[in-house]
Structures are given as C-alpha cells and as structure tokens.
Amino acid sequence: MKQWLRGLSSRTVTTVFAVLFLVPLVAALFPPLYLWGSHWKSGFVILGQPFSMWYWNLNAVWIFFTIWALYGVQSARGENEEHVEPAVVQKTGV
C-alpha cells in the first residue's frame, strides 16, 4: 500500500483530497441543503439532537476523517518528516 501511495503524483493526491474537502464545504455553505435538513420532519431527534444539528456534526466528522486520511497519506509518502539540522553555535572569544 505504501508503495502504491508513493507512486501517486502529488497532483493526484491534491486533487483527491480537494474533492473530499469540497463536499463538506458545499454542504456547509449551500443554504438549501441546510434548510432541507432543518425542516426535515420537524422535531426529528437522533440521540437527543435534532436532525439539523446532525447535519453540522456529520460535516465536522467528514472533515476530521479527511484530514486524518491526508495525514496518513502524507506520512506514507514521507512528506511529513521534517529533518531540521541543529544550529551550530560558534563560540568566539569576544
């Protein structure tokens, strides 16, 4: 799996995750979807929350797992590893 992920171009990875981020963005910013969810069977409750609240919860969960997956892909591709050389301090006799 890691070899397959490393073989993907960065453009492909960016495009896939851009689409995955676009879905909840459209859901959050497109008012008719929210209005549909907020008026859907008025008073419809799931685990103590109205359906209109679950609309936002599902958006947040989608974004969380997308970021988590992106982190995993970048880790497998070696893009998260940051090798910082320690600064060399030269002592002068001043």
Protein backbone atom coordinates (compact mmCIF):
# COMPACT_ATOMS: atom_id res chain seq x y z
CA MET A 1 0.00 0.00 0.00
CA LYS A 2 2.81 2.41 0.86
CA GLN A 3 4.48 1.76 -2.47
CA TRP A 4 1.24 2.47 -4.28
CA LEU A 5 0.77 5.73 -2.35
CA ARG A 6 4.36 6.76 -3.03
CA GLY A 7 3.79 6.09 -6.72
CA LEU A 8 0.93 8.57 -6.94
CA SER A 9 1.75 12.03 -8.20
CA SER A 10 1.33 14.88 -5.78
CA ARG A 11 -1.19 16.39 -8.19
CA THR A 12 -3.39 13.27 -7.91
CA VAL A 13 -3.25 13.32 -4.10
CA THR A 14 -4.06 17.04 -4.04
CA THR A 15 -6.98 16.61 -6.42
CA VAL A 16 -8.50 13.70 -4.48
CA PHE A 17 -8.30 15.49 -1.15
CA ALA A 18 -9.51 18.78 -2.66
CA VAL A 19 -12.66 16.99 -3.79
CA LEU A 20 -13.04 15.36 -0.36
CA PHE A 21 -12.81 18.81 1.26
CA LEU A 22 -15.15 20.35 -1.30
CA VAL A 23 -18.06 18.05 -0.37
CA PRO A 24 -18.49 19.29 3.24
CA LEU A 25 -17.67 22.84 2.16
CA VAL A 26 -20.55 22.83 -0.30
CA ALA A 27 -22.78 21.17 2.29
CA ALA A 28 -21.89 23.84 4.85
CA LEU A 29 -22.13 26.85 2.56
CA PHE A 30 -25.04 25.88 0.32
CA PRO A 31 -28.14 27.09 2.20
CA PRO A 32 -30.79 24.89 0.50
CA LEU A 33 -29.14 21.75 1.86
CA TYR A 34 -29.20 23.12 5.41
CA LEU A 35 -32.76 24.39 5.06
CA TRP A 36 -33.82 20.95 3.83
CA GLY A 37 -32.14 19.37 6.85
CA SER A 38 -33.54 21.85 9.35
CA HIS A 39 -37.16 21.40 8.22
CA TRP A 40 -36.98 17.68 7.64
CA LYS A 41 -39.69 16.15 9.82
CA SER A 42 -39.75 18.96 12.34
CA GLY A 43 -38.76 17.63 15.69
CA PHE A 44 -36.99 14.55 14.32
CA VAL A 45 -34.42 13.69 17.00
CA ILE A 46 -31.43 11.34 16.80
CA LEU A 47 -29.67 10.61 20.12
CA GLY A 48 -31.12 13.75 21.67
CA GLN A 49 -30.14 16.13 18.87
CA PRO A 50 -32.39 17.46 16.13
CA PHE A 51 -31.55 16.41 12.60
CA SER A 52 -30.38 19.93 11.75
CA MET A 53 -27.61 19.59 14.37
CA TRP A 54 -26.54 16.22 12.97
CA TYR A 55 -26.10 17.94 9.63
CA TRP A 56 -23.27 20.01 11.13
CA ASN A 57 -21.91 17.11 13.19
CA LEU A 58 -21.60 14.94 10.10
CA ASN A 59 -19.81 17.77 8.30
CA ALA A 60 -17.31 18.03 11.16
CA VAL A 61 -16.75 14.27 11.28
CA TRP A 62 -16.24 14.17 7.50
CA ILE A 63 -13.61 16.93 7.71
CA PHE A 64 -11.87 15.26 10.67
CA PHE A 65 -11.51 11.92 8.89
CA THR A 66 -10.42 13.61 5.66
CA ILE A 67 -7.63 15.45 7.48
CA TRP A 68 -6.69 12.22 9.27
CA ALA A 69 -6.53 10.35 5.96
CA LEU A 70 -4.48 13.14 4.36
CA TYR A 71 -2.02 12.97 7.25
CA GLY A 72 -1.76 9.19 6.80
CA VAL A 73 -1.14 9.51 3.06
CA GLN A 74 1.46 12.22 3.56
CA SER A 75 3.18 10.15 6.24
CA ALA A 76 3.29 7.11 3.95
CA ARG A 77 4.77 9.27 1.19
CA GLY A 78 7.37 10.72 3.58
CA GLU A 79 6.08 14.28 3.21
CA ASN A 80 5.52 14.88 6.94
CA GLU A 81 9.03 14.11 8.02
CA GLU A 82 10.93 17.25 8.74
CA HIS A 83 14.63 16.91 9.33
CA VAL A 84 15.94 20.06 10.92
CA GLU A 85 19.65 20.29 11.48
CA PRO A 86 20.52 21.73 14.87
CA ALA A 87 22.06 25.16 14.73
CA VAL A 88 25.78 25.23 15.30
CA VAL A 89 26.75 27.94 17.72
CA GLN A 90 30.32 29.08 17.36
CA LYS A 91 31.85 30.49 20.48
CA THR A 92 34.06 33.44 19.96
CA GLY A 93 36.49 34.78 22.45
CA VAL A 94 34.99 38.26 22.49
